[in-house]
Amino acid sequence: MNSFSEKLIGNVNKVIVGKDKQIELLLVSLLVGGHVLLEDVPGTGKTKTAKALAQSLDLDFKRVQFTIDLLPSDLTGINFFDREASRFVFRKGPVFTNILLADEINRATARTQSSLLECMEEKQVTVDGETRKLDLPFLVIATQNPVESQGTFPLPEAQLDRFLMMLKMDYPTHDESISILKRFATEDPLDTLSPVTTKEELESMQQQAKQVYVSDLLYDYATRIVEATRESSDVTVGASPRALLAYVSAAKALAFVRGRENCIPDDFKELAVPVLAHRISVRAQRALSNEGRFLSKRDTAADIINRILGSVTCPTEDFKN
């Protein structure tokens, strides 16, 4: 792991316990310029992780609670008439930030959800025919509760495809739970968390991540994995060319975060589920897990991706670690 990554993950760990993997992948997404969907039950640290990441990077942070009555203009901003100036003035919405936490994104209507698409994809906002660029870097961290379905609006496939990764926070272990109790016994460590880098350094890291080398064998390997999602009998709609581009970009950023100048097959194996599982549409089925519970659509998709990884031949060239 390079020094930049170690500093960042170590700093966020002052607040968040046992989520090194998720923090690392959030950093990968930020380096790529992608966005992340955090899916898990309430209280697993999704909001605190987003805040700790923003403070560690010295980036602007805003949080929006998505509800059924949230309007697109509540996100993007509006033009209002300033009587003193006798003209219309644009009031910026919360998307004009570096890290936007879209809390419980599936509680807003499809109209409001879709208003984020231009922001996420084009890094810009168009209001009343005028386009304004967003501040860079720009990262949307959206959260949703996979258990509750009442009063929610599931994200359509087209919008899910805009998220570079979909991650689960998971419950802490027994020892991690005890560490959390001790850490928050007297104060919230987030209140005293200091930045460990600057926006300029982060921009430099983004450029360096793009220079990571990917061999032709690995380009072929990544392409065959994505193509296999389109050929699987368990999948109705496979991963798109945009998914393939995101897959390779994420692998390059992961290699950079881990201090390498080139990708290795394990980068692609590790990122297959976070980057590809939410981008495929699985056939309707209700499979049972080993514990006897019904698997969610995402769990089933992850299962399919893992089976594809087992079926696609991995390059055997001696890659440098």
C-alpha atoms as a PDB file:
ATOM      1  CA  MET A   1       0.000   0.000   0.000  1.00  0.00           C
ATOM      2  CA  ASN A   2       1.388   3.429  -0.910  1.00  0.00           C
ATOM      3  CA  SER A   3       1.973   6.119   1.720  1.00  0.00           C
ATOM      4  CA  PHE A   4      -1.004   8.204   0.562  1.00  0.00           C
ATOM      5  CA  SER A   5      -3.399   5.274   1.057  1.00  0.00           C
ATOM      6  CA  GLU A   6      -1.897   4.307   4.398  1.00  0.00           C
ATOM      7  CA  LYS A   7      -2.283   7.854   5.734  1.00  0.00           C
ATOM      8  CA  LEU A   8      -5.886   8.105   4.579  1.00  0.00           C
ATOM      9  CA  ILE A   9      -7.080   4.693   5.758  1.00  0.00           C
ATOM     10  CA  GLY A  10      -5.253   5.109   9.076  1.00  0.00           C
ATOM     11  CA  ASN A  11      -6.921   8.473   9.627  1.00  0.00           C
ATOM     12  CA  VAL A  12     -10.437   7.245   8.813  1.00  0.00           C
ATOM     13  CA  ASN A  13      -9.779   4.300  11.136  1.00  0.00           C
ATOM     14  CA  LYS A  14      -9.648   6.755  14.020  1.00  0.00           C
ATOM     15  CA  VAL A  15     -13.417   6.975  13.594  1.00  0.00           C
ATOM     16  CA  ILE A  16     -14.466   3.800  11.753  1.00  0.00           C
ATOM     17  CA  VAL A  17     -13.595   0.345  13.098  1.00  0.00           C
ATOM     18  CA  GLY A  18     -12.934  -2.683  10.893  1.00  0.00           C
ATOM     19  CA  LYS A  19     -13.868  -1.227   7.497  1.00  0.00           C
ATOM     20  CA  ASP A  20     -10.442  -1.061   5.825  1.00  0.00           C
ATOM     21  CA  LYS A  21     -11.721  -2.800   2.709  1.00  0.00           C
ATOM     22  CA  GLN A  22     -14.656  -0.420   2.237  1.00  0.00           C
ATOM     23  CA  ILE A  23     -12.454   2.639   2.869  1.00  0.00           C
ATOM     24  CA  GLU A  24      -9.921   1.395   0.328  1.00  0.00           C
ATOM     25  CA  LEU A  25     -12.620   0.925  -2.311  1.00  0.00           C
ATOM     26  CA  LEU A  26     -14.079   4.371  -1.582  1.00  0.00           C
ATOM     27  CA  LEU A  27     -10.619   5.791  -2.242  1.00  0.00           C
ATOM     28  CA  VAL A  28     -10.429   3.795  -5.483  1.00  0.00           C
ATOM     29  CA  SER A  29     -13.760   5.280  -6.569  1.00  0.00           C
ATOM     30  CA  LEU A  30     -12.583   8.797  -5.760  1.00  0.00           C
ATOM     31  CA  LEU A  31      -9.376   8.315  -7.767  1.00  0.00           C
ATOM     32  CA  VAL A  32     -11.369   7.045 -10.753  1.00  0.00           C
ATOM     33  CA  GLY A  33     -13.990   9.793 -10.496  1.00  0.00           C
ATOM     34  CA  GLY A  34     -16.744   7.241  -9.911  1.00  0.00           C
ATOM     35  CA  HIS A  35     -19.586   6.997  -7.401  1.00  0.00           C
ATOM     36  CA  VAL A  36     -20.515   4.458  -4.732  1.00  0.00           C
ATOM     37  CA  LEU A  37     -23.773   2.912  -3.556  1.00  0.00           C
ATOM     38  CA  LEU A  38     -23.567   1.688   0.052  1.00  0.00           C
ATOM     39  CA  GLU A  39     -26.274  -0.852   0.740  1.00  0.00           C
ATOM     40  CA  ASP A  40     -26.886  -2.156   4.246  1.00  0.00           C
ATOM     41  CA  VAL A  41     -29.180  -1.946   7.233  1.00  0.00           C
ATOM     42  CA  PRO A  42     -29.245   1.292   9.307  1.00  0.00           C
ATOM     43  CA  GLY A  43     -26.555   1.899  11.895  1.00  0.00           C
ATOM     44  CA  THR A  44     -23.608   0.159  10.209  1.00  0.00           C
ATOM     45  CA  GLY A  45     -21.515   3.324   9.803  1.00  0.00           C
ATOM     46  CA  LYS A  46     -22.362   4.459   6.261  1.00  0.00           C
ATOM     47  CA  THR A  47     -22.804   8.152   7.123  1.00  0.00           C
ATOM     48  CA  LYS A  48     -19.847   8.319   9.516  1.00  0.00           C
ATOM     49  CA  THR A  49     -17.585   6.697   6.914  1.00  0.00           C
ATOM     50  CA  ALA A  50     -18.536   9.304   4.303  1.00  0.00           C
ATOM     51  CA  LYS A  51     -17.960  12.179   6.752  1.00  0.00           C
ATOM     52  CA  ALA A  52     -14.622  10.788   7.955  1.00  0.00           C
ATOM     53  CA  LEU A  53     -13.434  10.358   4.355  1.00  0.00           C
ATOM     54  CA  ALA A  54     -14.329  13.964   3.481  1.00  0.00           C
ATOM     55  CA  GLN A  55     -12.626  15.380   6.584  1.00  0.00           C
ATOM     56  CA  SER A  56      -9.505  13.281   6.012  1.00  0.00           C
ATOM     57  CA  LEU A  57      -9.212  14.608   2.455  1.00  0.00           C
ATOM     58  CA  ASP A  58     -10.060  18.206   3.434  1.00  0.00           C
ATOM     59  CA  LEU A  59     -12.955  18.188   0.952  1.00  0.00           C
ATOM     60  CA  ASP A  60     -16.322  19.930   1.124  1.00  0.00           C
ATOM     61  CA  PHE A  61     -19.082  17.613   2.306  1.00  0.00           C
ATOM     62  CA  LYS A  62     -22.859  17.850   2.162  1.00  0.00           C
ATOM     63  CA  ARG A  63     -25.571  15.410   3.176  1.00  0.00           C
ATOM     64  CA  VAL A  64     -29.083  15.234   1.745  1.00  0.00           C
ATOM     65  CA  GLN A  65     -31.802  13.110   3.314  1.00  0.00           C
ATOM     66  CA  PHE A  66     -33.815  11.737   0.417  1.00  0.00           C
ATOM     67  CA  THR A  67     -37.564  11.678   1.023  1.00  0.00           C
ATOM     68  CA  ILE A  68     -40.631  11.281  -1.151  1.00  0.00           C
ATOM     69  CA  ASP A  69     -41.213  15.059  -1.271  1.00  0.00           C
ATOM     70  CA  LEU A  70     -37.631  15.976  -2.228  1.00  0.00           C
ATOM     71  CA  LEU A  71     -37.603  17.906  -5.519  1.00  0.00           C
ATOM     72  CA  PRO A  72     -34.864  17.963  -8.201  1.00  0.00           C
ATOM     73  CA  SER A  73     -34.346  21.673  -7.506  1.00  0.00           C
ATOM     74  CA  ASP A  74     -33.645  20.811  -3.858  1.00  0.00           C
ATOM     75  CA  LEU A  75     -30.506  19.080  -5.152  1.00  0.00           C
ATOM     76  CA  THR A  76     -29.393  21.184  -8.095  1.00  0.00           C
ATOM     77  CA  GLY A  77     -30.419  24.668  -6.948  1.00  0.00           C
ATOM     78  CA  ILE A  78     -32.846  27.289  -8.290  1.00  0.00           C
ATOM     79  CA  ASN A  79     -32.979  30.720  -9.862  1.00  0.00           C
ATOM     80  CA  PHE A  80     -34.790  33.173  -7.585  1.00  0.00           C
ATOM     81  CA  PHE A  81     -35.633  36.826  -8.075  1.00  0.00           C
ATOM     82  CA  ASP A  82     -33.486  39.141  -5.948  1.00  0.00           C
ATOM     83  CA  ARG A  83     -35.588  42.252  -5.406  1.00  0.00           C
ATOM     84  CA  GLU A  84     -32.655  44.356  -4.240  1.00  0.00           C
ATOM     85  CA  ALA A  85     -30.603  43.548  -7.336  1.00  0.00           C
ATOM     86  CA  SER A  86     -33.734  43.455  -9.565  1.00  0.00           C
ATOM     87  CA  ARG A  87     -32.535  40.300 -11.296  1.00  0.00           C
ATOM     88  CA  PHE A  88     -32.633  36.524 -11.045  1.00  0.00           C
ATOM     89  CA  VAL A  89     -29.843  34.963  -8.973  1.00  0.00           C
ATOM     90  CA  PHE A  90     -28.834  31.302  -8.894  1.00  0.00           C
ATOM     91  CA  ARG A  91     -28.828  29.670  -5.477  1.00  0.00           C
ATOM     92  CA  LYS A  92     -26.592  26.596  -5.550  1.00  0.00           C
ATOM     93  CA  GLY A  93     -27.968  23.277  -4.348  1.00  0.00           C
ATOM     94  CA  PRO A  94     -26.090  20.718  -2.237  1.00  0.00           C
ATOM     95  CA  VAL A  95     -24.635  18.982  -5.329  1.00  0.00           C
ATOM     96  CA  PHE A  96     -22.148  21.843  -5.496  1.00  0.00           C
ATOM     97  CA  THR A  97     -19.705  20.115  -3.180  1.00  0.00           C
ATOM     98  CA  ASN A  98     -16.905  17.534  -3.362  1.00  0.00           C
ATOM     99  CA  ILE A  99     -18.516  14.615  -1.525  1.00  0.00           C
ATOM    100  CA  LEU A 100     -22.304  14.353  -1.527  1.00  0.00           C
ATOM    101  CA  LEU A 101     -23.981  11.844   0.770  1.00  0.00           C
ATOM    102  CA  ALA A 102     -27.330  10.920  -0.771  1.00  0.00           C
ATOM    103  CA  ASP A 103     -28.870   9.271   2.270  1.00  0.00           C
ATOM    104  CA  GLU A 104     -31.563   6.645   1.565  1.00  0.00           C
ATOM    105  CA  ILE A 105     -31.615   7.491  -2.123  1.00  0.00           C
ATOM    106  CA  ASN A 106     -34.366   4.960  -2.816  1.00  0.00           C
ATOM    107  CA  ARG A 107     -36.854   6.974  -0.728  1.00  0.00           C
ATOM    108  CA  ALA A 108     -37.032   9.751  -3.344  1.00  0.00           C
ATOM    109  CA  THR A 109     -39.141   9.566  -6.489  1.00  0.00           C
ATOM    110  CA  ALA A 110     -37.690   8.516  -9.828  1.00  0.00           C
ATOM    111  CA  ARG A 111     -37.824  12.155 -10.995  1.00  0.00           C
ATOM    112  CA  THR A 112     -35.570  13.294  -8.162  1.00  0.00           C
ATOM    113  CA  GLN A 113     -33.278  10.282  -8.475  1.00  0.00           C
ATOM    114  CA  SER A 114     -32.802  10.976 -12.182  1.00  0.00           C
ATOM    115  CA  SER A 115     -31.838  14.587 -11.477  1.00  0.00           C
ATOM    116  CA  LEU A 116     -28.578  13.187 -10.118  1.00  0.00           C
ATOM    117  CA  LEU A 117     -27.705  11.491 -13.424  1.00  0.00           C
ATOM    118  CA  GLU A 118     -26.290  14.569 -15.150  1.00  0.00           C
ATOM    119  CA  CYS A 119     -24.387  15.478 -11.989  1.00  0.00           C
ATOM    120  CA  MET A 120     -22.862  12.012 -11.672  1.00  0.00           C
ATOM    121  CA  GLU A 121     -22.042  11.405 -15.316  1.00  0.00           C
ATOM    122  CA  GLU A 122     -21.240  14.847 -16.711  1.00  0.00           C
ATOM    123  CA  LYS A 123     -20.090  16.578 -13.478  1.00  0.00           C
ATOM    124  CA  GLN A 124     -22.388  19.476 -14.303  1.00  0.00           C
ATOM    125  CA  VAL A 125     -25.871  20.870 -13.595  1.00  0.00           C
ATOM    126  CA  THR A 126     -28.295  22.445 -16.065  1.00  0.00           C
ATOM    127  CA  VAL A 127     -30.971  24.730 -14.602  1.00  0.00           C
ATOM    128  CA  ASP A 128     -33.262  26.871 -16.789  1.00  0.00           C
ATOM    129  CA  GLY A 129     -31.095  26.138 -19.820  1.00  0.00           C
ATOM    130  CA  GLU A 130     -27.829  27.273 -18.217  1.00  0.00           C
ATOM    131  CA  THR A 131     -25.107  24.716 -17.516  1.00  0.00           C
ATOM    132  CA  ARG A 132     -22.795  25.046 -14.532  1.00  0.00           C
ATOM    133  CA  LYS A 133     -19.764  22.863 -13.832  1.00  0.00           C
ATOM    134  CA  LEU A 134     -19.506  21.122 -10.474  1.00  0.00           C
ATOM    135  CA  ASP A 135     -16.468  21.380  -8.241  1.00  0.00           C
ATOM    136  CA  LEU A 136     -13.912  18.596  -8.707  1.00  0.00           C
ATOM    137  CA  PRO A 137     -13.317  16.064  -7.337  1.00  0.00           C
ATOM    138  CA  PHE A 138     -16.981  15.088  -7.116  1.00  0.00           C
ATOM    139  CA  LEU A 139     -18.089  11.868  -5.444  1.00  0.00           C
ATOM    140  CA  VAL A 140     -21.657  10.755  -4.728  1.00  0.00           C
ATOM    141  CA  ILE A 141     -21.961   8.250  -1.888  1.00  0.00           C
ATOM    142  CA  ALA A 142     -25.547   7.025  -1.920  1.00  0.00           C
ATOM    143  CA  THR A 143     -27.012   4.777   0.760  1.00  0.00           C
ATOM    144  CA  GLN A 144     -30.027   2.526   0.785  1.00  0.00           C
ATOM    145  CA  ASN A 145     -31.595   0.015   3.139  1.00  0.00           C
ATOM    146  CA  PRO A 146     -32.088  -3.320   1.322  1.00  0.00           C
ATOM    147  CA  VAL A 147     -34.549  -4.615   3.923  1.00  0.00           C
ATOM    148  CA  GLU A 148     -37.290  -1.968   3.884  1.00  0.00           C
ATOM    149  CA  SER A 149     -39.338  -1.734   0.697  1.00  0.00           C
ATOM    150  CA  GLN A 150     -42.388   0.220   1.911  1.00  0.00           C
ATOM    151  CA  GLY A 151     -42.335   3.782   0.628  1.00  0.00           C
ATOM    152  CA  THR A 152     -39.234   3.246  -1.519  1.00  0.00           C
ATOM    153  CA  PHE A 153     -38.523   3.584  -5.249  1.00  0.00           C
ATOM    154  CA  PRO A 154     -35.937   1.020  -6.443  1.00  0.00           C
ATOM    155  CA  LEU A 155     -33.177   2.493  -8.562  1.00  0.00           C
ATOM    156  CA  PRO A 156     -33.604   1.557 -12.249  1.00  0.00           C
ATOM    157  CA  GLU A 157     -30.832  -0.312 -14.052  1.00  0.00           C
ATOM    158  CA  ALA A 158     -29.813   2.806 -15.998  1.00  0.00           C
ATOM    159  CA  GLN A 159     -29.070   4.648 -12.765  1.00  0.00           C
ATOM    160  CA  LEU A 160     -27.403   1.697 -11.050  1.00  0.00           C
ATOM    161  CA  ASP A 161     -25.008   1.588 -14.009  1.00  0.00           C
ATOM    162  CA  ARG A 162     -23.852   5.116 -13.070  1.00  0.00           C
ATOM    163  CA  PHE A 163     -22.407   3.826  -9.808  1.00  0.00           C
ATOM    164  CA  LEU A 164     -18.863   2.544 -10.113  1.00  0.00           C
ATOM    165  CA  MET A 165     -19.316   0.220  -7.153  1.00  0.00           C
ATOM    166  CA  MET A 166     -21.941  -1.173  -4.841  1.00  0.00           C
ATOM    167  CA  LEU A 167     -20.603  -2.024  -1.389  1.00  0.00           C
ATOM    168  CA  LYS A 168     -21.941  -3.572   1.806  1.00  0.00           C
ATOM    169  CA  MET A 169     -20.795  -2.314   5.200  1.00  0.00           C
ATOM    170  CA  ASP A 170     -21.644  -5.517   7.121  1.00  0.00           C
ATOM    171  CA  TYR A 171     -22.038  -5.877  10.880  1.00  0.00           C
ATOM    172  CA  PRO A 172     -18.875  -5.561  13.013  1.00  0.00           C
ATOM    173  CA  THR A 173     -17.348  -8.600  14.678  1.00  0.00           C
ATOM    174  CA  HIS A 174     -17.594  -9.092  18.452  1.00  0.00           C
ATOM    175  CA  ASP A 175     -14.167  -7.545  19.085  1.00  0.00           C
ATOM    176  CA  GLU A 176     -14.883  -4.656  16.698  1.00  0.00           C
ATOM    177  CA  SER A 177     -18.130  -3.931  18.537  1.00  0.00           C
ATOM    178  CA  ILE A 178     -16.235  -3.634  21.815  1.00  0.00           C
ATOM    179  CA  SER A 179     -13.705  -1.292  20.159  1.00  0.00           C
ATOM    180  CA  ILE A 180     -16.585   0.874  18.927  1.00  0.00           C
ATOM    181  CA  LEU A 181     -18.036   1.087  22.442  1.00  0.00           C
ATOM    182  CA  LYS A 182     -14.695   2.192  23.897  1.00  0.00           C
ATOM    183  CA  ARG A 183     -13.961   4.654  21.088  1.00  0.00           C
ATOM    184  CA  PHE A 184     -17.271   6.487  21.444  1.00  0.00           C
ATOM    185  CA  ALA A 185     -17.531   6.182  25.238  1.00  0.00           C
ATOM    186  CA  THR A 186     -16.697   9.818  25.999  1.00  0.00           C
ATOM    187  CA  GLU A 187     -16.664  11.693  22.669  1.00  0.00           C
ATOM    188  CA  ASP A 188     -17.117  11.382  18.928  1.00  0.00           C
ATOM    189  CA  PRO A 189     -13.636  11.092  17.321  1.00  0.00           C
ATOM    190  CA  LEU A 190     -15.088  12.638  14.159  1.00  0.00           C
ATOM    191  CA  ASP A 191     -15.208  16.005  15.961  1.00  0.00           C
ATOM    192  CA  THR A 192     -11.409  16.143  16.220  1.00  0.00           C
ATOM    193  CA  LEU A 193     -10.446  14.419  12.963  1.00  0.00           C
ATOM    194  CA  SER A 194      -7.853  16.401  10.971  1.00  0.00           C
ATOM    195  CA  PRO A 195      -7.062  16.266   7.224  1.00  0.00           C
ATOM    196  CA  VAL A 196      -4.058  14.194   6.115  1.00  0.00           C
ATOM    197  CA  THR A 197      -3.803  15.516   2.562  1.00  0.00           C
ATOM    198  CA  THR A 198      -4.907  18.331   0.265  1.00  0.00           C
ATOM    199  CA  LYS A 199      -7.181  18.574  -2.747  1.00  0.00           C
ATOM    200  CA  GLU A 200      -4.131  19.275  -4.925  1.00  0.00           C
ATOM    201  CA  GLU A 201      -2.389  16.099  -3.770  1.00  0.00           C
ATOM    202  CA  LEU A 202      -5.540  14.097  -4.464  1.00  0.00           C
ATOM    203  CA  GLU A 203      -5.736  15.492  -8.015  1.00  0.00           C
ATOM    204  CA  SER A 204      -2.117  14.462  -8.554  1.00  0.00           C
ATOM    205  CA  MET A 205      -2.931  10.929  -7.337  1.00  0.00           C
ATOM    206  CA  GLN A 206      -5.841  10.729  -9.769  1.00  0.00           C
ATOM    207  CA  GLN A 207      -3.492  11.427 -12.671  1.00  0.00           C
ATOM    208  CA  GLN A 208      -0.942   8.901 -11.420  1.00  0.00           C
ATOM    209  CA  ALA A 209      -3.598   6.198 -11.100  1.00  0.00           C
ATOM    210  CA  LYS A 210      -4.432   6.604 -14.799  1.00  0.00           C
ATOM    211  CA  GLN A 211      -0.817   5.751 -15.699  1.00  0.00           C
ATOM    212  CA  VAL A 212      -0.876   2.273 -14.125  1.00  0.00           C
ATOM    213  CA  TYR A 213       0.051  -0.348 -16.721  1.00  0.00           C
ATOM    214  CA  VAL A 214      -2.427  -3.014 -17.860  1.00  0.00           C
ATOM    215  CA  SER A 215      -1.055  -5.800 -20.066  1.00  0.00           C
ATOM    216  CA  ASP A 216      -2.885  -7.057 -23.159  1.00  0.00           C
ATOM    217  CA  LEU A 217      -3.489 -10.354 -21.351  1.00  0.00           C
ATOM    218  CA  LEU A 218      -5.366  -8.542 -18.593  1.00  0.00           C
ATOM    219  CA  TYR A 219      -7.343  -6.424 -21.058  1.00  0.00           C
ATOM    220  CA  ASP A 220      -8.418  -9.720 -22.623  1.00  0.00           C
ATOM    221  CA  TYR A 221      -9.175 -11.258 -19.201  1.00  0.00           C
ATOM    222  CA  ALA A 222     -11.386  -8.338 -18.111  1.00  0.00           C
ATOM    223  CA  THR A 223     -13.206  -8.332 -21.448  1.00  0.00           C
ATOM    224  CA  ARG A 224     -13.932 -12.069 -21.268  1.00  0.00           C
ATOM    225  CA  ILE A 225     -15.347 -11.709 -17.751  1.00  0.00           C
ATOM    226  CA  VAL A 226     -17.699  -8.930 -18.855  1.00  0.00           C
ATOM    227  CA  GLU A 227     -18.695 -10.836 -22.014  1.00  0.00           C
ATOM    228  CA  ALA A 228     -19.464 -13.904 -19.891  1.00  0.00           C
ATOM    229  CA  THR A 229     -22.127 -11.916 -18.024  1.00  0.00           C
ATOM    230  CA  ARG A 230     -23.928 -11.416 -21.344  1.00  0.00           C
ATOM    231  CA  GLU A 231     -23.739 -15.117 -22.207  1.00  0.00           C
ATOM    232  CA  SER A 232     -24.848 -16.521 -18.838  1.00  0.00           C
ATOM    233  CA  SER A 233     -28.215 -18.284 -18.817  1.00  0.00           C
ATOM    234  CA  ASP A 234     -28.869 -16.789 -15.365  1.00  0.00           C
ATOM    235  CA  VAL A 235     -28.631 -13.209 -16.662  1.00  0.00           C
ATOM    236  CA  THR A 236     -31.191 -11.319 -18.743  1.00  0.00           C
ATOM    237  CA  VAL A 237     -29.055  -8.202 -19.304  1.00  0.00           C
ATOM    238  CA  GLY A 238     -25.274  -8.407 -19.007  1.00  0.00           C
ATOM    239  CA  ALA A 239     -22.677  -5.772 -18.147  1.00  0.00           C
ATOM    240  CA  SER A 240     -22.329  -2.909 -20.625  1.00  0.00           C
ATOM    241  CA  PRO A 241     -19.225  -1.454 -22.344  1.00  0.00           C
ATOM    242  CA  ARG A 242     -19.381   1.310 -19.729  1.00  0.00           C
ATOM    243  CA  ALA A 243     -19.086  -1.401 -17.076  1.00  0.00           C
ATOM    244  CA  LEU A 244     -15.955  -2.744 -18.790  1.00  0.00           C
ATOM    245  CA  LEU A 245     -14.357   0.708 -18.849  1.00  0.00           C
ATOM    246  CA  ALA A 246     -15.211   1.196 -15.173  1.00  0.00           C
ATOM    247  CA  TYR A 247     -13.863  -2.279 -14.343  1.00  0.00           C
ATOM    248  CA  VAL A 248     -10.441  -1.592 -15.872  1.00  0.00           C
ATOM    249  CA  SER A 249     -10.208   1.943 -14.439  1.00  0.00           C
ATOM    250  CA  ALA A 250     -11.007   0.633 -10.953  1.00  0.00           C
ATOM    251  CA  ALA A 251      -8.386  -2.114 -11.274  1.00  0.00           C
ATOM    252  CA  LYS A 252      -5.742   0.466 -12.204  1.00  0.00           C
ATOM    253  CA  ALA A 253      -6.680   2.631  -9.216  1.00  0.00           C
ATOM    254  CA  LEU A 254      -6.614  -0.382  -6.874  1.00  0.00           C
ATOM    255  CA  ALA A 255      -3.130  -1.302  -8.090  1.00  0.00           C
ATOM    256  CA  PHE A 256      -2.017   2.293  -7.482  1.00  0.00           C
ATOM    257  CA  VAL A 257      -3.533   2.370  -3.984  1.00  0.00           C
ATOM    258  CA  ARG A 258      -1.586  -0.793  -3.182  1.00  0.00           C
ATOM    259  CA  GLY A 259       1.673   0.723  -4.387  1.00  0.00           C
ATOM    260  CA  ARG A 260       2.046  -1.058  -7.729  1.00  0.00           C
ATOM    261  CA  GLU A 261       2.764   0.345 -11.185  1.00  0.00           C
ATOM    262  CA  ASN A 262       0.923  -2.470 -12.953  1.00  0.00           C
ATOM    263  CA  CYS A 263      -2.268  -4.484 -12.565  1.00  0.00           C
ATOM    264  CA  ILE A 264      -2.349  -8.165 -11.691  1.00  0.00           C
ATOM    265  CA  PRO A 265      -5.194 -10.712 -12.142  1.00  0.00           C
ATOM    266  CA  ASP A 266      -6.146 -10.478  -8.463  1.00  0.00           C
ATOM    267  CA  ASP A 267      -7.131  -6.827  -8.960  1.00  0.00           C
ATOM    268  CA  PHE A 268      -9.811  -7.895 -11.420  1.00  0.00           C
ATOM    269  CA  LYS A 269     -10.926 -10.858  -9.311  1.00  0.00           C
ATOM    270  CA  GLU A 270     -11.325  -8.674  -6.232  1.00  0.00           C
ATOM    271  CA  LEU A 271     -13.294  -5.963  -8.011  1.00  0.00           C
ATOM    272  CA  ALA A 272     -15.597  -8.183 -10.069  1.00  0.00           C
ATOM    273  CA  VAL A 273     -18.453  -8.283  -7.546  1.00  0.00           C
ATOM    274  CA  PRO A 274     -18.294  -4.624  -6.352  1.00  0.00           C
ATOM    275  CA  VAL A 275     -18.085  -3.271  -9.920  1.00  0.00           C
ATOM    276  CA  LEU A 276     -20.179  -5.749 -11.941  1.00  0.00           C
ATOM    277  CA  ALA A 277     -22.802  -7.422  -9.725  1.00  0.00           C
ATOM    278  CA  HIS A 278     -25.165  -4.437  -9.552  1.00  0.00           C
ATOM    279  CA  ARG A 279     -24.889  -3.897 -13.323  1.00  0.00           C
ATOM    280  CA  ILE A 280     -26.443  -7.195 -14.386  1.00  0.00           C
ATOM    281  CA  SER A 281     -30.118  -8.182 -14.374  1.00  0.00           C
ATOM    282  CA  VAL A 282     -30.650 -11.684 -13.025  1.00  0.00           C
ATOM    283  CA  ARG A 283     -33.518 -13.976 -13.948  1.00  0.00           C
ATOM    284  CA  ALA A 284     -36.383 -14.017 -11.472  1.00  0.00           C
ATOM    285  CA  GLN A 285     -35.678 -16.660  -8.886  1.00  0.00           C
ATOM    286  CA  ARG A 286     -35.811 -17.134  -5.140  1.00  0.00           C
ATOM    287  CA  ALA A 287     -32.734 -19.083  -4.147  1.00  0.00           C
ATOM    288  CA  LEU A 288     -32.095 -20.240  -0.592  1.00  0.00           C
ATOM    289  CA  SER A 289     -28.778 -19.656   1.147  1.00  0.00           C
ATOM    290  CA  ASN A 290     -27.053 -22.323   3.265  1.00  0.00           C
ATOM    291  CA  GLU A 291     -28.642 -20.747   6.349  1.00  0.00           C
ATOM    292  CA  GLY A 292     -32.126 -21.220   4.900  1.00  0.00           C
ATOM    293  CA  ARG A 293     -32.866 -17.546   4.156  1.00  0.00           C
ATOM    294  CA  PHE A 294     -33.907 -16.265   0.750  1.00  0.00           C
ATOM    295  CA  LEU A 295     -31.099 -14.581  -1.148  1.00  0.00           C
ATOM    296  CA  SER A 296     -31.588 -10.998  -2.307  1.00  0.00           C
ATOM    297  CA  LYS A 297     -31.263 -10.054  -5.936  1.00  0.00           C
ATOM    298  CA  ARG A 298     -27.817  -8.608  -5.236  1.00  0.00           C
ATOM    299  CA  ASP A 299     -26.628 -11.742  -3.411  1.00  0.00           C
ATOM    300  CA  THR A 300     -27.767 -13.806  -6.387  1.00  0.00           C
ATOM    301  CA  ALA A 301     -25.918 -11.481  -8.793  1.00  0.00           C
ATOM    302  CA  ALA A 302     -22.752 -11.767  -6.702  1.00  0.00           C
ATOM    303  CA  ASP A 303     -23.108 -15.542  -6.830  1.00  0.00           C
ATOM    304  CA  ILE A 304     -23.309 -15.429 -10.621  1.00  0.00           C
ATOM    305  CA  ILE A 305     -20.246 -13.172 -10.898  1.00  0.00           C
ATOM    306  CA  ASN A 306     -18.243 -15.518  -8.673  1.00  0.00           C
ATOM    307  CA  ARG A 307     -19.249 -18.492 -10.837  1.00  0.00           C
ATOM    308  CA  ILE A 308     -18.138 -16.573 -13.931  1.00  0.00           C
ATOM    309  CA  LEU A 309     -14.764 -15.863 -12.301  1.00  0.00           C
ATOM    310  CA  GLY A 310     -14.373 -19.593 -11.776  1.00  0.00           C
ATOM    311  CA  SER A 311     -15.176 -20.378 -15.402  1.00  0.00           C
ATOM    312  CA  VAL A 312     -13.020 -17.747 -17.169  1.00  0.00           C
ATOM    313  CA  THR A 313      -9.398 -18.820 -17.580  1.00  0.00           C
ATOM    314  CA  CYS A 314      -7.040 -16.562 -15.650  1.00  0.00           C
ATOM    315  CA  PRO A 315      -3.770 -15.421 -17.286  1.00  0.00           C
ATOM    316  CA  THR A 316      -0.768 -17.363 -15.945  1.00  0.00           C
ATOM    317  CA  GLU A 317       1.991 -14.923 -16.926  1.00  0.00           C
ATOM    318  CA  ASP A 318       4.390 -14.047 -14.074  1.00  0.00           C
ATOM    319  CA  PHE A 319       2.922 -10.671 -13.113  1.00  0.00           C
ATOM    320  CA  LYS A 320       4.983  -8.483 -10.767  1.00  0.00           C
ATOM    321  CA  ASN A 321       3.400  -7.959  -7.352  1.00  0.00           C
END
